[in-house]
């Protein structure tokens, strides 16, 4: 005998206004990313990841030294014009 089939509805992710995301960022110890109304908690760094980040940032920064470009760590929060 076959198993009964049940239909599942798609998982609906809640959408958040930008103001709620900013409030979460101000009051939380965790780091989040916001895209199209979705808020995603980012994982914490471990020492190995931090070392890789330092090495990559140093290499890129050295190559961009004579340009107007700047290199920042992932801890910097930015707002892009197309986000809002």
N, C-alpha and C. Protein backbone atom coordinates (compact mmCIF):
# COMPACT_ATOMS: atom_id res chain seq x y z
N UNK A 1 0.82 -1.19 0.00
CA UNK A 1 0.00 0.00 0.00
C UNK A 1 0.87 1.25 0.00
N UNK A 2 0.40 2.25 -0.72
CA UNK A 2 1.13 3.51 -0.78
C UNK A 2 0.83 4.39 0.41
N UNK A 3 1.71 5.31 0.62
CA UNK A 3 1.51 6.26 1.71
C UNK A 3 0.58 7.38 1.25
N UNK A 4 -0.16 7.91 2.18
CA UNK A 4 -1.03 9.04 1.87
C UNK A 4 -0.16 10.26 1.61
N UNK A 5 -0.53 11.02 0.61
CA UNK A 5 0.22 12.23 0.29
C UNK A 5 -0.42 13.42 0.98
N UNK A 6 0.40 14.21 1.54
CA UNK A 6 -0.09 15.46 2.13
C UNK A 6 0.61 16.60 1.44
N UNK A 7 -0.12 17.64 1.21
CA UNK A 7 0.48 18.81 0.57
C UNK A 7 1.00 19.74 1.64
N UNK A 8 2.14 20.30 1.36
CA UNK A 8 2.73 21.25 2.29
C UNK A 8 2.70 22.63 1.66
N UNK A 9 2.37 23.58 2.47
CA UNK A 9 2.41 24.95 1.96
C UNK A 9 3.85 25.44 2.04
N UNK A 10 4.23 26.34 1.15
CA UNK A 10 5.60 26.85 1.19
C UNK A 10 5.85 27.65 2.47
N UNK A 11 7.06 27.58 2.94
CA UNK A 11 7.44 28.33 4.12
C UNK A 11 7.43 29.82 3.78
N UNK A 12 6.65 30.56 4.52
CA UNK A 12 6.57 32.00 4.28
C UNK A 12 7.44 32.70 5.31
N UNK A 13 8.45 33.40 4.84
CA UNK A 13 9.34 34.12 5.73
C UNK A 13 8.74 35.49 6.02
N UNK A 14 8.76 35.89 7.29
CA UNK A 14 8.22 37.21 7.60
C UNK A 14 9.09 38.30 6.99
N UNK A 15 8.47 39.39 6.61
CA UNK A 15 9.20 40.54 6.06
C UNK A 15 9.16 41.65 7.11
N UNK A 16 10.28 42.30 7.28
CA UNK A 16 10.40 43.31 8.31
C UNK A 16 10.64 44.68 7.69
N UNK A 17 10.04 45.71 8.28
CA UNK A 17 10.36 47.07 7.81
C UNK A 17 11.79 47.42 8.23
N UNK A 18 12.41 48.30 7.49
CA UNK A 18 13.79 48.70 7.75
C UNK A 18 13.96 49.23 9.18
N UNK A 19 12.97 49.94 9.69
CA UNK A 19 13.05 50.51 11.04
C UNK A 19 13.19 49.40 12.09
N UNK A 20 12.48 48.29 11.91
CA UNK A 20 12.60 47.17 12.86
C UNK A 20 13.98 46.55 12.80
N UNK A 21 14.54 46.46 11.61
CA UNK A 21 15.90 45.92 11.46
C UNK A 21 16.90 46.82 12.20
N UNK A 22 16.78 48.14 12.01
CA UNK A 22 17.70 49.07 12.69
C UNK A 22 17.58 48.95 14.21
N UNK A 23 16.36 48.79 14.71
CA UNK A 23 16.16 48.62 16.15
C UNK A 23 16.82 47.32 16.62
N UNK A 24 16.67 46.26 15.87
CA UNK A 24 17.30 44.98 16.21
C UNK A 24 18.82 45.14 16.24
N UNK A 25 19.38 45.84 15.28
CA UNK A 25 20.83 46.06 15.24
C UNK A 25 21.31 46.87 16.45
N UNK A 26 20.51 47.84 16.87
CA UNK A 26 20.90 48.68 18.01
C UNK A 26 20.86 47.90 19.32
N UNK A 27 19.94 46.96 19.44
CA UNK A 27 19.72 46.32 20.74
C UNK A 27 20.28 44.91 20.86
N UNK A 28 20.85 44.38 19.81
CA UNK A 28 21.29 42.99 19.82
C UNK A 28 22.81 42.87 19.86
N UNK A 29 23.27 41.79 20.48
CA UNK A 29 24.69 41.47 20.48
C UNK A 29 25.10 40.81 19.16
N UNK A 30 24.14 40.23 18.47
CA UNK A 30 24.41 39.53 17.22
C UNK A 30 24.48 40.50 16.05
N UNK A 31 25.05 40.03 14.96
CA UNK A 31 25.11 40.82 13.73
C UNK A 31 24.09 40.26 12.75
N UNK A 32 23.36 41.14 12.09
CA UNK A 32 22.32 40.74 11.14
C UNK A 32 22.56 41.39 9.80
N UNK A 33 22.01 40.78 8.76
CA UNK A 33 21.97 41.39 7.44
C UNK A 33 20.51 41.53 7.04
N UNK A 34 20.23 42.57 6.27
CA UNK A 34 18.87 42.87 5.83
C UNK A 34 18.86 42.95 4.32
N UNK A 35 17.93 42.22 3.69
CA UNK A 35 17.80 42.28 2.24
C UNK A 35 16.35 42.00 1.86
N UNK A 36 15.76 42.95 1.17
CA UNK A 36 14.37 42.80 0.70
C UNK A 36 13.40 42.41 1.81
N UNK A 37 13.56 42.98 2.98
CA UNK A 37 12.64 42.71 4.08
C UNK A 37 12.98 41.48 4.90
N UNK A 38 13.98 40.72 4.49
CA UNK A 38 14.39 39.54 5.25
C UNK A 38 15.57 39.89 6.14
N UNK A 39 15.52 39.39 7.38
CA UNK A 39 16.59 39.61 8.34
C UNK A 39 17.25 38.26 8.61
N UNK A 40 18.58 38.23 8.44
CA UNK A 40 19.33 36.98 8.62
C UNK A 40 20.41 37.20 9.67
N UNK A 41 20.44 36.32 10.66
CA UNK A 41 21.47 36.38 11.68
C UNK A 41 22.76 35.79 11.11
N UNK A 42 23.84 36.54 11.23
CA UNK A 42 25.13 36.09 10.71
C UNK A 42 25.86 35.30 11.79
N UNK A 43 26.65 34.33 11.36
CA UNK A 43 27.38 33.50 12.32
C UNK A 43 28.54 34.28 12.94
N UNK A 44 28.92 33.84 14.11
CA UNK A 44 30.05 34.48 14.79
C UNK A 44 31.36 33.99 14.18
N UNK A 45 32.37 34.84 14.29
CA UNK A 45 33.68 34.47 13.75
C UNK A 45 34.44 33.62 14.75
N UNK A 46 35.27 32.75 14.21
CA UNK A 46 36.20 32.02 15.06
C UNK A 46 37.60 32.56 14.77
N UNK A 47 38.60 32.21 15.56
CA UNK A 47 39.95 32.76 15.36
C UNK A 47 40.51 32.50 13.96
N UNK A 48 40.27 31.33 13.41
CA UNK A 48 40.79 31.01 12.07
C UNK A 48 40.17 31.94 11.02
N UNK A 49 38.87 32.14 11.11
CA UNK A 49 38.19 33.04 10.17
C UNK A 49 38.73 34.46 10.31
N UNK A 50 38.94 34.90 11.53
CA UNK A 50 39.46 36.24 11.77
C UNK A 50 40.85 36.41 11.17
N UNK A 51 41.70 35.41 11.29
CA UNK A 51 43.04 35.46 10.72
C UNK A 51 42.98 35.54 9.19
N UNK A 52 42.10 34.75 8.59
CA UNK A 52 41.93 34.80 7.13
C UNK A 52 41.47 36.19 6.72
N UNK A 53 40.51 36.74 7.46
CA UNK A 53 40.00 38.08 7.14
C UNK A 53 41.12 39.12 7.19
N UNK A 54 41.94 39.08 8.21
CA UNK A 54 43.05 40.03 8.34
C UNK A 54 44.01 39.89 7.16
N UNK A 55 44.36 38.68 6.80
CA UNK A 55 45.28 38.47 5.69
C UNK A 55 44.72 38.97 4.36
N UNK A 56 43.45 38.68 4.11
CA UNK A 56 42.81 39.13 2.86
C UNK A 56 42.71 40.66 2.83
N UNK A 57 42.27 41.25 3.93
CA UNK A 57 42.14 42.71 3.98
C UNK A 57 43.49 43.41 3.81
N UNK A 58 44.51 42.87 4.42
CA UNK A 58 45.85 43.46 4.29
C UNK A 58 46.33 43.40 2.85
N UNK A 59 46.16 42.26 2.22
CA UNK A 59 46.59 42.10 0.82
C UNK A 59 45.84 43.06 -0.10
N UNK A 60 44.53 43.11 0.04
CA UNK A 60 43.73 44.01 -0.82
C UNK A 60 44.08 45.46 -0.53
N UNK A 61 44.18 45.81 0.73
CA UNK A 61 44.50 47.19 1.10
C UNK A 61 45.85 47.63 0.53
N UNK A 62 46.84 46.76 0.60
CA UNK A 62 48.15 47.09 0.04
C UNK A 62 48.08 47.34 -1.46
N UNK A 63 47.29 46.58 -2.15
CA UNK A 63 47.16 46.75 -3.61
C UNK A 63 46.38 48.01 -3.98
N UNK A 64 45.53 48.46 -3.09
CA UNK A 64 44.70 49.65 -3.37
C UNK A 64 45.29 50.94 -2.80
N UNK A 65 46.47 50.85 -2.27
CA UNK A 65 47.08 51.99 -1.57
C UNK A 65 47.10 53.27 -2.39
N UNK A 66 47.36 53.19 -3.67
CA UNK A 66 47.46 54.38 -4.53
C UNK A 66 46.13 54.78 -5.15
N UNK A 67 45.05 54.15 -4.74
CA UNK A 67 43.74 54.46 -5.33
C UNK A 67 42.85 55.17 -4.30
N UNK A 68 41.66 55.55 -4.74
CA UNK A 68 40.68 56.17 -3.84
C UNK A 68 39.83 55.12 -3.13
N UNK A 69 40.04 53.86 -3.42
CA UNK A 69 39.24 52.79 -2.82
C UNK A 69 39.71 52.52 -1.39
N UNK A 70 38.79 52.06 -0.56
CA UNK A 70 39.10 51.74 0.82
C UNK A 70 38.60 50.33 1.13
N UNK A 71 39.26 49.68 2.08
CA UNK A 71 38.88 48.34 2.50
C UNK A 71 38.40 48.44 3.95
N UNK A 72 37.25 47.81 4.22
CA UNK A 72 36.69 47.82 5.57
C UNK A 72 36.41 46.38 6.01
N UNK A 73 36.33 46.18 7.31
CA UNK A 73 36.01 44.86 7.84
C UNK A 73 34.51 44.61 7.72
N UNK A 74 34.12 43.39 7.99
CA UNK A 74 32.70 43.02 7.90
C UNK A 74 31.88 43.62 9.05
N UNK A 75 32.52 44.17 10.03
CA UNK A 75 31.78 44.76 11.16
C UNK A 75 31.19 46.13 10.84
N UNK A 76 31.64 46.73 9.76
CA UNK A 76 31.10 48.03 9.36
C UNK A 76 29.72 47.83 8.77
N UNK A 77 28.78 48.64 9.22
CA UNK A 77 27.42 48.57 8.69
C UNK A 77 27.25 49.66 7.64
N UNK A 78 26.71 49.28 6.50
CA UNK A 78 26.50 50.25 5.43
C UNK A 78 25.05 50.21 4.96
N UNK A 79 24.61 51.32 4.40
CA UNK A 79 23.28 51.38 3.80
C UNK A 79 23.47 51.78 2.35
N UNK A 80 22.96 50.97 1.45
CA UNK A 80 23.08 51.27 0.03
C UNK A 80 21.81 51.96 -0.46
N UNK A 81 21.92 52.83 -1.47
CA UNK A 81 20.75 53.56 -1.96
C UNK A 81 19.61 52.66 -2.43
N UNK A 82 19.92 51.50 -3.00
CA UNK A 82 18.87 50.62 -3.52
C UNK A 82 18.20 49.81 -2.42
N UNK A 83 18.72 49.90 -1.19
CA UNK A 83 18.15 49.14 -0.08
C UNK A 83 16.82 49.72 0.37
N UNK A 84 16.70 51.02 0.36
CA UNK A 84 15.48 51.66 0.87
C UNK A 84 14.58 52.12 -0.23
